[in-house]
Amino acid sequence: GGSLTLSCAAPGSIFRIYAGSWYRQAPGKQRELVAVATSSGSAT
């Protein structure tokens, strides 16, 4: 029920061009996509 905020700082040359994504991997499981934010601001 609690909350956390994760941060990821990138070089500007990378940040400006590419979408930023978060993945997660639980023990014994494959890495999975959690969320994506494109450089234009859309999110999935």
PDB file of all heavy atoms in Angstrom:
ATOM      1  N   GLY A   1       0.792  -1.225   0.000  1.00  0.00           N
ATOM      2  CA  GLY A   1       0.000   0.000   0.000  1.00  0.00           C
ATOM      3  C   GLY A   1       0.821   1.270   0.000  1.00  0.00           C
ATOM      4  O   GLY A   1       0.277   2.363  -0.179  1.00  0.00           O
ATOM      5  N   GLY A   2       2.116   1.135   0.205  1.00  0.00           N
ATOM      6  CA  GLY A   2       2.990   2.297   0.259  1.00  0.00           C
ATOM      7  C   GLY A   2       3.406   2.783  -1.108  1.00  0.00           C
ATOM      8  O   GLY A   2       2.959   2.273  -2.145  1.00  0.00           O
ATOM      9  N   SER A   3       4.291   3.799  -1.093  1.00  0.00           N
ATOM     10  CA  SER A   3       4.743   4.441  -2.327  1.00  0.00           C
ATOM     11  C   SER A   3       6.257   4.577  -2.356  1.00  0.00           C
ATOM     12  O   SER A   3       6.899   4.688  -1.302  1.00  0.00           O
ATOM     13  CB  SER A   3       4.119   5.847  -2.444  1.00  0.00           C
ATOM     14  OG  SER A   3       2.721   5.790  -2.494  1.00  0.00           O
ATOM     15  N   LEU A   4       6.795   4.570  -3.556  1.00  0.00           N
ATOM     16  CA  LEU A   4       8.207   4.848  -3.804  1.00  0.00           C
ATOM     17  C   LEU A   4       8.316   5.576  -5.130  1.00  0.00           C
ATOM     18  O   LEU A   4       7.469   5.379  -6.016  1.00  0.00           O
ATOM     19  CB  LEU A   4       9.036   3.566  -3.888  1.00  0.00           C
ATOM     20  CG  LEU A   4       9.458   2.836  -2.623  1.00  0.00           C
ATOM     21  CD1 LEU A   4      10.160   1.538  -2.978  1.00  0.00           C
ATOM     22  CD2 LEU A   4      10.354   3.711  -1.766  1.00  0.00           C
ATOM     23  N   THR A   5       9.371   6.370  -5.260  1.00  0.00           N
ATOM     24  CA  THR A   5       9.670   7.007  -6.537  1.00  0.00           C
ATOM     25  C   THR A   5      11.089   6.651  -6.955  1.00  0.00           C
ATOM     26  O   THR A   5      12.036   6.860  -6.185  1.00  0.00           O
ATOM     27  CB  THR A   5       9.531   8.531  -6.452  1.00  0.00           C
ATOM     28  OG1 THR A   5       8.192   8.873  -6.096  1.00  0.00           O
ATOM     29  CG2 THR A   5       9.842   9.170  -7.802  1.00  0.00           C
ATOM     30  N   LEU A   6      11.217   6.102  -8.139  1.00  0.00           N
ATOM     31  CA  LEU A   6      12.516   5.774  -8.705  1.00  0.00           C
ATOM     32  C   LEU A   6      12.947   6.883  -9.658  1.00  0.00           C
ATOM     33  O   LEU A   6      12.111   7.485 -10.342  1.00  0.00           O
ATOM     34  CB  LEU A   6      12.462   4.448  -9.458  1.00  0.00           C
ATOM     35  CG  LEU A   6      11.909   3.251  -8.695  1.00  0.00           C
ATOM     36  CD1 LEU A   6      11.968   2.000  -9.588  1.00  0.00           C
ATOM     37  CD2 LEU A   6      12.643   3.029  -7.404  1.00  0.00           C
ATOM     38  N   SER A   7      14.259   7.117  -9.715  1.00  0.00           N
ATOM     39  CA  SER A   7      14.820   8.120 -10.614  1.00  0.00           C
ATOM     40  C   SER A   7      15.902   7.490 -11.473  1.00  0.00           C
ATOM     41  O   SER A   7      16.610   6.584 -11.030  1.00  0.00           O
ATOM     42  CB  SER A   7      15.448   9.270  -9.816  1.00  0.00           C
ATOM     43  OG  SER A   7      14.530   9.866  -8.967  1.00  0.00           O
ATOM     44  N   CYS A   8      16.040   8.003 -12.684  1.00  0.00           N
ATOM     45  CA  CYS A   8      17.081   7.529 -13.588  1.00  0.00           C
ATOM     46  C   CYS A   8      17.609   8.728 -14.369  1.00  0.00           C
ATOM     47  O   CYS A   8      16.892   9.295 -15.209  1.00  0.00           O
ATOM     48  CB  CYS A   8      16.536   6.471 -14.533  1.00  0.00           C
ATOM     49  SG  CYS A   8      17.700   5.920 -15.800  1.00  0.00           S
ATOM     50  N   ALA A   9      18.849   9.103 -14.093  1.00  0.00           N
ATOM     51  CA  ALA A   9      19.480  10.229 -14.777  1.00  0.00           C
ATOM     52  C   ALA A   9      20.308   9.722 -15.943  1.00  0.00           C
ATOM     53  O   ALA A   9      21.069   8.755 -15.803  1.00  0.00           O
ATOM     54  CB  ALA A   9      20.356  11.001 -13.804  1.00  0.00           C
ATOM     55  N   ALA A  10      20.159  10.378 -17.086  1.00  0.00           N
ATOM     56  CA  ALA A  10      20.858   9.967 -18.307  1.00  0.00           C
ATOM     57  C   ALA A  10      21.633  11.140 -18.892  1.00  0.00           C
ATOM     58  O   ALA A  10      21.303  12.297 -18.623  1.00  0.00           O
ATOM     59  CB  ALA A  10      19.852   9.448 -19.328  1.00  0.00           C
ATOM     60  N   PRO A  11      22.652  10.870 -19.692  1.00  0.00           N
ATOM     61  CA  PRO A  11      23.321  11.954 -20.417  1.00  0.00           C
ATOM     62  C   PRO A  11      22.321  12.671 -21.329  1.00  0.00           C
ATOM     63  O   PRO A  11      21.436  12.032 -21.900  1.00  0.00           O
ATOM     64  CB  PRO A  11      24.396  11.231 -21.227  1.00  0.00           C
ATOM     65  CG  PRO A  11      24.608   9.942 -20.519  1.00  0.00           C
ATOM     66  CD  PRO A  11      23.285   9.571 -19.940  1.00  0.00           C
ATOM     67  N   GLY A  12      22.469  13.982 -21.471  1.00  0.00           N
ATOM     68  CA  GLY A  12      21.525  14.733 -22.267  1.00  0.00           C
ATOM     69  C   GLY A  12      21.419  14.257 -23.703  1.00  0.00           C
ATOM     70  O   GLY A  12      20.337  14.258 -24.288  1.00  0.00           O
ATOM     71  N   SER A  13      22.543  13.850 -24.275  1.00  0.00           N
ATOM     72  CA  SER A  13      22.539  13.395 -25.664  1.00  0.00           C
ATOM     73  C   SER A  13      21.668  12.162 -25.857  1.00  0.00           C
ATOM     74  O   SER A  13      21.137  11.939 -26.942  1.00  0.00           O
ATOM     75  CB  SER A  13      23.974  13.094 -26.109  1.00  0.00           C
ATOM     76  OG  SER A  13      24.559  12.105 -25.276  1.00  0.00           O
ATOM     77  N   ILE A  14      21.546  11.355 -24.828  1.00  0.00           N
ATOM     78  CA  ILE A  14      20.699  10.160 -24.868  1.00  0.00           C
ATOM     79  C   ILE A  14      19.265  10.516 -24.519  1.00  0.00           C
ATOM     80  O   ILE A  14      18.313  10.098 -25.184  1.00  0.00           O
ATOM     81  CB  ILE A  14      21.232   9.091 -23.896  1.00  0.00           C
ATOM     82  CG1 ILE A  14      22.656   8.685 -24.257  1.00  0.00           C
ATOM     83  CG2 ILE A  14      20.301   7.892 -23.856  1.00  0.00           C
ATOM     84  CD1 ILE A  14      22.789   8.079 -25.643  1.00  0.00           C
ATOM     85  N   PHE A  15      19.124  11.317 -23.468  1.00  0.00           N
ATOM     86  CA  PHE A  15      17.796  11.635 -22.955  1.00  0.00           C
ATOM     87  C   PHE A  15      16.940  12.336 -24.003  1.00  0.00           C
ATOM     88  O   PHE A  15      15.747  12.046 -24.142  1.00  0.00           O
ATOM     89  CB  PHE A  15      17.943  12.522 -21.712  1.00  0.00           C
ATOM     90  CG  PHE A  15      16.642  12.848 -21.038  1.00  0.00           C
ATOM     91  CD1 PHE A  15      16.127  12.001 -20.064  1.00  0.00           C
ATOM     92  CD2 PHE A  15      15.930  13.989 -21.369  1.00  0.00           C
ATOM     93  CE1 PHE A  15      14.928  12.295 -19.439  1.00  0.00           C
ATOM     94  CE2 PHE A  15      14.738  14.291 -20.756  1.00  0.00           C
ATOM     95  CZ  PHE A  15      14.235  13.447 -19.782  1.00  0.00           C
ATOM     96  N   ARG A  16      17.526  13.258 -24.735  1.00  0.00           N
ATOM     97  CA  ARG A  16      16.744  14.068 -25.671  1.00  0.00           C
ATOM     98  C   ARG A  16      16.211  13.261 -26.852  1.00  0.00           C
ATOM     99  O   ARG A  16      15.178  13.611 -27.415  1.00  0.00           O
ATOM    100  CB  ARG A  16      17.603  15.217 -26.193  1.00  0.00           C
ATOM    101  CG  ARG A  16      17.790  16.348 -25.212  1.00  0.00           C
ATOM    102  CD  ARG A  16      18.473  17.525 -25.874  1.00  0.00           C
ATOM    103  NE  ARG A  16      19.854  17.230 -26.233  1.00  0.00           N
ATOM    104  CZ  ARG A  16      20.879  17.414 -25.413  1.00  0.00           C
ATOM    105  NH1 ARG A  16      20.676  17.882 -24.192  1.00  0.00           N
ATOM    106  NH2 ARG A  16      22.112  17.145 -25.812  1.00  0.00           N
ATOM    107  N   ILE A  17      16.893  12.196 -27.198  1.00  0.00           N
ATOM    108  CA  ILE A  17      16.556  11.468 -28.421  1.00  0.00           C
ATOM    109  C   ILE A  17      15.622  10.296 -28.170  1.00  0.00           C
ATOM    110  O   ILE A  17      14.690  10.047 -28.955  1.00  0.00           O
ATOM    111  CB  ILE A  17      17.848  10.960 -29.094  1.00  0.00           C
ATOM    112  CG1 ILE A  17      18.722  12.125 -29.536  1.00  0.00           C
ATOM    113  CG2 ILE A  17      17.512  10.054 -30.274  1.00  0.00           C
ATOM    114  CD1 ILE A  17      20.069  11.692 -30.047  1.00  0.00           C
ATOM    115  N   TYR A  18      15.879   9.572 -27.076  1.00  0.00           N
ATOM    116  CA  TYR A  18      15.234   8.287 -26.886  1.00  0.00           C
ATOM    117  C   TYR A  18      14.105   8.303 -25.867  1.00  0.00           C
ATOM    118  O   TYR A  18      14.102   9.103 -24.928  1.00  0.00           O
ATOM    119  CB  TYR A  18      16.256   7.250 -26.435  1.00  0.00           C
ATOM    120  CG  TYR A  18      17.311   6.946 -27.471  1.00  0.00           C
ATOM    121  CD1 TYR A  18      18.640   7.280 -27.243  1.00  0.00           C
ATOM    122  CD2 TYR A  18      16.984   6.314 -28.656  1.00  0.00           C
ATOM    123  CE1 TYR A  18      19.615   6.999 -28.172  1.00  0.00           C
ATOM    124  CE2 TYR A  18      17.953   6.030 -29.598  1.00  0.00           C
ATOM    125  CZ  TYR A  18      19.260   6.372 -29.358  1.00  0.00           C
ATOM    126  OH  TYR A  18      20.224   6.086 -30.287  1.00  0.00           O
ATOM    127  N   ALA A  19      13.183   7.351 -26.050  1.00  0.00           N
ATOM    128  CA  ALA A  19      12.205   7.086 -25.000  1.00  0.00           C
ATOM    129  C   ALA A  19      12.913   6.509 -23.782  1.00  0.00           C
ATOM    130  O   ALA A  19      13.919   5.802 -23.913  1.00  0.00           O
ATOM    131  CB  ALA A  19      11.173   6.085 -25.493  1.00  0.00           C
ATOM    132  N   GLY A  20      12.384   6.825 -22.610  1.00  0.00           N
ATOM    133  CA  GLY A  20      12.888   6.243 -21.369  1.00  0.00           C
ATOM    134  C   GLY A  20      11.915   5.186 -20.882  1.00  0.00           C
ATOM    135  O   GLY A  20      10.693   5.385 -20.937  1.00  0.00           O
ATOM    136  N   SER A  21      12.426   4.065 -20.439  1.00  0.00           N
ATOM    137  CA  SER A  21      11.587   2.948 -20.023  1.00  0.00           C
ATOM    138  C   SER A  21      12.023   2.439 -18.658  1.00  0.00           C
ATOM    139  O   SER A  21      13.177   2.587 -18.272  1.00  0.00           O
ATOM    140  CB  SER A  21      11.702   1.777 -21.009  1.00  0.00           C
ATOM    141  OG  SER A  21      11.465   2.181 -22.333  1.00  0.00           O
ATOM    142  N   TRP A  22      11.075   1.815 -17.983  1.00  0.00           N
ATOM    143  CA  TRP A  22      11.369   1.074 -16.756  1.00  0.00           C
ATOM    144  C   TRP A  22      10.985  -0.385 -16.971  1.00  0.00           C
ATOM    145  O   TRP A  22       9.897  -0.681 -17.475  1.00  0.00           O
ATOM    146  CB  TRP A  22      10.612   1.640 -15.566  1.00  0.00           C
ATOM    147  CG  TRP A  22      11.158   2.946 -15.086  1.00  0.00           C
ATOM    148  CD1 TRP A  22      10.695   4.197 -15.402  1.00  0.00           C
ATOM    149  CD2 TRP A  22      12.262   3.137 -14.201  1.00  0.00           C
ATOM    150  NE1 TRP A  22      11.458   5.153 -14.771  1.00  0.00           N
ATOM    151  CE2 TRP A  22      12.427   4.530 -14.011  1.00  0.00           C
ATOM    152  CE3 TRP A  22      13.142   2.275 -13.530  1.00  0.00           C
ATOM    153  CZ2 TRP A  22      13.424   5.069 -13.198  1.00  0.00           C
ATOM    154  CZ3 TRP A  22      14.131   2.807 -12.725  1.00  0.00           C
ATOM    155  CH2 TRP A  22      14.265   4.201 -12.565  1.00  0.00           C
ATOM    156  N   TYR A  23      11.890  -1.261 -16.597  1.00  0.00           N
ATOM    157  CA  TYR A  23      11.672  -2.704 -16.609  1.00  0.00           C
ATOM    158  C   TYR A  23      11.844  -3.203 -15.175  1.00  0.00           C
ATOM    159  O   TYR A  23      12.424  -2.528 -14.331  1.00  0.00           O
ATOM    160  CB  TYR A  23      12.695  -3.406 -17.505  1.00  0.00           C
ATOM    161  CG  TYR A  23      12.486  -3.232 -18.978  1.00  0.00           C
ATOM    162  CD1 TYR A  23      12.753  -2.019 -19.615  1.00  0.00           C
ATOM    163  CD2 TYR A  23      12.036  -4.299 -19.757  1.00  0.00           C
ATOM    164  CE1 TYR A  23      12.564  -1.875 -20.977  1.00  0.00           C
ATOM    165  CE2 TYR A  23      11.852  -4.161 -21.137  1.00  0.00           C
ATOM    166  CZ  TYR A  23      12.128  -2.944 -21.732  1.00  0.00           C
ATOM    167  OH  TYR A  23      11.945  -2.810 -23.086  1.00  0.00           O
ATOM    168  N   ARG A  24      11.375  -4.409 -14.941  1.00  0.00           N
ATOM    169  CA  ARG A  24      11.628  -5.046 -13.658  1.00  0.00           C
ATOM    170  C   ARG A  24      11.834  -6.543 -13.847  1.00  0.00           C
ATOM    171  O   ARG A  24      11.342  -7.133 -14.808  1.00  0.00           O
ATOM    172  CB  ARG A  24      10.484  -4.787 -12.671  1.00  0.00           C
ATOM    173  CG  ARG A  24       9.165  -5.442 -13.038  1.00  0.00           C
ATOM    174  CD  ARG A  24       8.086  -4.986 -12.056  1.00  0.00           C
ATOM    175  NE  ARG A  24       6.793  -5.596 -12.361  1.00  0.00           N
ATOM    176  CZ  ARG A  24       5.657  -5.271 -11.747  1.00  0.00           C
ATOM    177  NH1 ARG A  24       5.654  -4.333 -10.798  1.00  0.00           N
ATOM    178  NH2 ARG A  24       4.535  -5.882 -12.081  1.00  0.00           N
ATOM    179  N   GLN A  25      12.591  -7.101 -12.910  1.00  0.00           N
ATOM    180  CA  GLN A  25      12.852  -8.534 -12.943  1.00  0.00           C
ATOM    181  C   GLN A  25      12.766  -9.087 -11.533  1.00  0.00           C
ATOM    182  O   GLN A  25      13.563  -8.716 -10.660  1.00  0.00           O
ATOM    183  CB  GLN A  25      14.223  -8.829 -13.544  1.00  0.00           C
ATOM    184  CG  GLN A  25      14.479 -10.300 -13.782  1.00  0.00           C
ATOM    185  CD  GLN A  25      15.667 -10.550 -14.678  1.00  0.00           C
ATOM    186  OE1 GLN A  25      16.522  -9.684 -14.873  1.00  0.00           O
ATOM    187  NE2 GLN A  25      15.728 -11.735 -15.258  1.00  0.00           N
ATOM    188  N   ALA A  26      11.793  -9.953 -11.346  1.00  0.00           N
ATOM    189  CA  ALA A  26      11.619 -10.628 -10.063  1.00  0.00           C
ATOM    190  C   ALA A  26      12.434 -11.919 -10.067  1.00  0.00           C
ATOM    191  O   ALA A  26      12.734 -12.460 -11.139  1.00  0.00           O
ATOM    192  CB  ALA A  26      10.150 -10.920  -9.828  1.00  0.00           C
ATOM    193  N   PRO A  27      12.787 -12.452  -8.898  1.00  0.00           N
ATOM    194  CA  PRO A  27      13.571 -13.687  -8.843  1.00  0.00           C
ATOM    195  C   PRO A  27      12.888 -14.816  -9.602  1.00  0.00           C
ATOM    196  O   PRO A  27      11.692 -15.064  -9.419  1.00  0.00           O
ATOM    197  CB  PRO A  27      13.643 -13.981  -7.343  1.00  0.00           C
ATOM    198  CG  PRO A  27      13.491 -12.656  -6.696  1.00  0.00           C
ATOM    199  CD  PRO A  27      12.552 -11.884  -7.566  1.00  0.00           C
ATOM    200  N   GLY A  28      13.642 -15.468 -10.472  1.00  0.00           N
ATOM    201  CA  GLY A  28      13.124 -16.600 -11.213  1.00  0.00           C
ATOM    202  C   GLY A  28      12.216 -16.248 -12.374  1.00  0.00           C
ATOM    203  O   GLY A  28      11.651 -17.146 -13.003  1.00  0.00           O
ATOM    204  N   LYS A  29      12.077 -14.951 -12.656  1.00  0.00           N
ATOM    205  CA  LYS A  29      11.190 -14.526 -13.739  1.00  0.00           C
ATOM    206  C   LYS A  29      11.962 -13.730 -14.785  1.00  0.00           C
ATOM    207  O   LYS A  29      13.054 -13.223 -14.523  1.00  0.00           O
ATOM    208  CB  LYS A  29      10.039 -13.689 -13.189  1.00  0.00           C
ATOM    209  CG  LYS A  29       9.098 -14.456 -12.288  1.00  0.00           C
ATOM    210  CD  LYS A  29       7.886 -13.621 -11.926  1.00  0.00           C
ATOM    211  CE  LYS A  29       6.892 -14.407 -11.089  1.00  0.00           C
ATOM    212  NZ  LYS A  29       5.686 -13.612 -10.750  1.00  0.00           N
ATOM    213  N   GLN A  30      11.372 -13.616 -15.955  1.00  0.00           N
ATOM    214  CA  GLN A  30      11.989 -12.826 -17.017  1.00  0.00           C
ATOM    215  C   GLN A  30      11.796 -11.337 -16.742  1.00  0.00           C
ATOM    216  O   GLN A  30      10.846 -10.919 -16.068  1.00  0.00           O
ATOM    217  CB  GLN A  30      11.361 -13.187 -18.366  1.00  0.00           C
ATOM    218  CG  GLN A  30      11.747 -14.565 -18.866  1.00  0.00           C
ATOM    219  CD  GLN A  30      11.271 -14.799 -20.296  1.00  0.00           C
ATOM    220  OE1 GLN A  30      10.277 -14.234 -20.735  1.00  0.00           O
ATOM    221  NE2 GLN A  30      11.998 -15.624 -21.029  1.00  0.00           N
ATOM    222  N   ARG A  31      12.702 -10.560 -17.293  1.00  0.00           N
ATOM    223  CA  ARG A  31      12.575  -9.114 -17.194  1.00  0.00           C
ATOM    224  C   ARG A  31      11.349  -8.676 -17.993  1.00  0.00           C
ATOM    225  O   ARG A  31      11.124  -9.127 -19.115  1.00  0.00           O
ATOM    226  CB  ARG A  31      13.833  -8.433 -17.733  1.00  0.00           C
ATOM    227  CG  ARG A  31      13.928  -6.969 -17.430  1.00  0.00           C
ATOM    228  CD  ARG A  31      15.282  -6.403 -17.821  1.00  0.00           C
ATOM    229  NE  ARG A  31      16.364  -6.983 -17.033  1.00  0.00           N
ATOM    230  CZ  ARG A  31      17.622  -6.551 -17.063  1.00  0.00           C
ATOM    231  NH1 ARG A  31      17.951  -5.516 -17.833  1.00  0.00           N
ATOM    232  NH2 ARG A  31      18.539  -7.129 -16.329  1.00  0.00           N
ATOM    233  N   GLU A  32      10.549  -7.785 -17.396  1.00  0.00           N
ATOM    234  CA  GLU A  32       9.329  -7.350 -18.062  1.00  0.00           C
ATOM    235  C   GLU A  32       9.267  -5.829 -18.132  1.00  0.00           C
ATOM    236  O   GLU A  32       9.765  -5.125 -17.233  1.00  0.00           O
ATOM    237  CB  GLU A  32       8.078  -7.873 -17.337  1.00  0.00           C
ATOM    238  CG  GLU A  32       7.904  -7.380 -15.922  1.00  0.00           C
ATOM    239  CD  GLU A  32       6.583  -7.801 -15.294  1.00  0.00           C
ATOM    240  OE1 GLU A  32       5.719  -8.362 -15.996  1.00  0.00           O
ATOM    241  OE2 GLU A  32       6.403  -7.540 -14.087  1.00  0.00           O
ATOM    242  N   LEU A  33       8.623  -5.333 -19.183  1.00  0.00           N
ATOM    243  CA  LEU A  33       8.449  -3.906 -19.367  1.00  0.00           C
ATOM    244  C   LEU A  33       7.361  -3.400 -18.426  1.00  0.00           C
ATOM    245  O   LEU A  33       6.278  -3.971 -18.368  1.00  0.00           O
ATOM    246  CB  LEU A  33       8.083  -3.599 -20.819  1.00  0.00           C
ATOM    247  CG  LEU A  33       7.821  -2.147 -21.171  1.00  0.00           C
ATOM    248  CD1 LEU A  33       9.059  -1.296 -20.973  1.00  0.00           C
ATOM    249  CD2 LEU A  33       7.328  -2.049 -22.615  1.00  0.00           C
ATOM    250  N   VAL A  34       7.652  -2.302 -17.733  1.00  0.00           N
ATOM    251  CA  VAL A  34       6.695  -1.720 -16.794  1.00  0.00           C
ATOM    252  C   VAL A  34       6.045  -0.472 -17.389  1.00  0.00           C
ATOM    253  O   VAL A  34       4.823  -0.327 -17.355  1.00  0.00           O
ATOM    254  CB  VAL A  34       7.404  -1.367 -15.477  1.00  0.00           C
ATOM    255  CG1 VAL A  34       6.452  -0.634 -14.536  1.00  0.00           C
ATOM    256  CG2 VAL A  34       7.968  -2.616 -14.809  1.00  0.00           C
ATOM    257  N   ALA A  35       6.861   0.438 -17.916  1.00  0.00           N
ATOM    258  CA  ALA A  35       6.331   1.701 -18.428  1.00  0.00           C
ATOM    259  C   ALA A  35       7.332   2.336 -19.383  1.00  0.00           C
ATOM    260  O   ALA A  35       8.535   2.102 -19.274  1.00  0.00           O
ATOM    261  CB  ALA A  35       6.037   2.671 -17.281  1.00  0.00           C
ATOM    262  N   VAL A  36       6.792   3.123 -20.307  1.00  0.00           N
ATOM    263  CA  VAL A  36       7.612   3.831 -21.298  1.00  0.00           C
ATOM    264  C   VAL A  36       7.143   5.274 -21.386  1.00  0.00           C
ATOM    265  O   VAL A  36       5.929   5.527 -21.431  1.00  0.00           O
ATOM    266  CB  VAL A  36       7.494   3.196 -22.700  1.00  0.00           C
ATOM    267  CG1 VAL A  36       8.376   3.946 -23.696  1.00  0.00           C
ATOM    268  CG2 VAL A  36       7.854   1.727 -22.677  1.00  0.00           C
ATOM    269  N   ALA A  37       8.085   6.208 -21.433  1.00  0.00           N
ATOM    270  CA  ALA A  37       7.782   7.618 -21.686  1.00  0.00           C
ATOM    271  C   ALA A  37       8.588   8.069 -22.892  1.00  0.00           C
ATOM    272  O   ALA A  37       9.819   8.052 -22.853  1.00  0.00           O
ATOM    273  CB  ALA A  37       8.125   8.475 -20.465  1.00  0.00           C
ATOM    274  N   THR A  38       7.907   8.441 -23.959  1.00  0.00           N
ATOM    275  CA  THR A  38       8.615   8.855 -25.167  1.00  0.00           C
ATOM    276  C   THR A  38       9.174  10.265 -25.007  1.00  0.00           C
ATOM    277  O   THR A  38       8.805  11.003 -24.095  1.00  0.00           O
ATOM    278  CB  THR A  38       7.682   8.825 -26.381  1.00  0.00           C
ATOM    279  OG1 THR A  38       6.689   9.846 -26.218  1.00  0.00           O
ATOM    280  CG2 THR A  38       7.000   7.472 -26.528  1.00  0.00           C
ATOM    281  N   SER A  39      10.041  10.639 -25.930  1.00  0.00           N
ATOM    282  CA  SER A  39      10.633  11.978 -25.885  1.00  0.00           C
ATOM    283  C   SER A  39       9.589  13.060 -26.133  1.00  0.00           C
ATOM    284  O   SER A  39       9.777  14.211 -25.741  1.00  0.00           O
ATOM    285  CB  SER A  39      11.764  12.092 -26.900  1.00  0.00           C
ATOM    286  OG  SER A  39      11.295  11.780 -28.193  1.00  0.00           O
ATOM    287  N   SER A  40       8.462  12.694 -26.742  1.00  0.00           N
ATOM    288  CA  SER A  40       7.378  13.651 -26.973  1.00  0.00           C
ATOM    289  C   SER A  40       6.412  13.732 -25.807  1.00  0.00           C
ATOM    290  O   SER A  40       5.494  14.562 -25.813  1.00  0.00           O
ATOM    291  CB  SER A  40       6.608  13.287 -28.248  1.00  0.00           C
ATOM    292  OG  SER A  40       6.022  12.016 -28.120  1.00  0.00           O
ATOM    293  N   GLY A  41       6.591  12.841 -24.817  1.00  0.00           N
ATOM    294  CA  GLY A  41       5.805  12.945 -23.592  1.00  0.00           C
ATOM    295  C   GLY A  41       4.690  11.938 -23.418  1.00  0.00           C
ATOM    296  O   GLY A  41       4.023  11.932 -22.389  1.00  0.00           O
ATOM    297  N   SER A  42       4.465  11.081 -24.398  1.00  0.00           N
ATOM    298  CA  SER A  42       3.416  10.075 -24.226  1.00  0.00           C
ATOM    299  C   SER A  42       3.924   8.932 -23.360  1.00  0.00           C
ATOM    300  O   SER A  42       5.129   8.677 -23.292  1.00  0.00           O
ATOM    301  CB  SER A  42       2.947   9.547 -25.572  1.00  0.00           C
ATOM    302  OG  SER A  42       4.011   8.908 -26.240  1.00  0.00           O
ATOM    303  N   ALA A  43       2.994   8.249 -22.688  1.00  0.00           N
ATOM    304  CA  ALA A  43       3.351   7.191 -21.753  1.00  0.00           C
ATOM    305  C   ALA A  43       2.476   5.971 -21.975  1.00  0.00           C
ATOM    306  O   ALA A  43       1.293   6.089 -22.298  1.00  0.00           O
ATOM    307  CB  ALA A  43       3.205   7.676 -20.316  1.00  0.00           C
ATOM    308  N   THR A  44       3.068   4.804 -21.802  1.00  0.00           N
ATOM    309  CA  THR A  44       2.324   3.548 -21.829  1.00  0.00           C
ATOM    310  C   THR A  44       2.757   2.705 -20.649  1.00  0.00           C
ATOM    311  O   THR A  44       3.875   2.864 -20.130  1.00  0.00           O
ATOM    312  CB  THR A  44       2.570   2.766 -23.136  1.00  0.00           C
ATOM    313  OG1 THR A  44       3.976   2.539 -23.281  1.00  0.00           O
ATOM    314  CG2 THR A  44       2.060   3.519 -24.347  1.00  0.00           C
TER     315      THR A  44
END
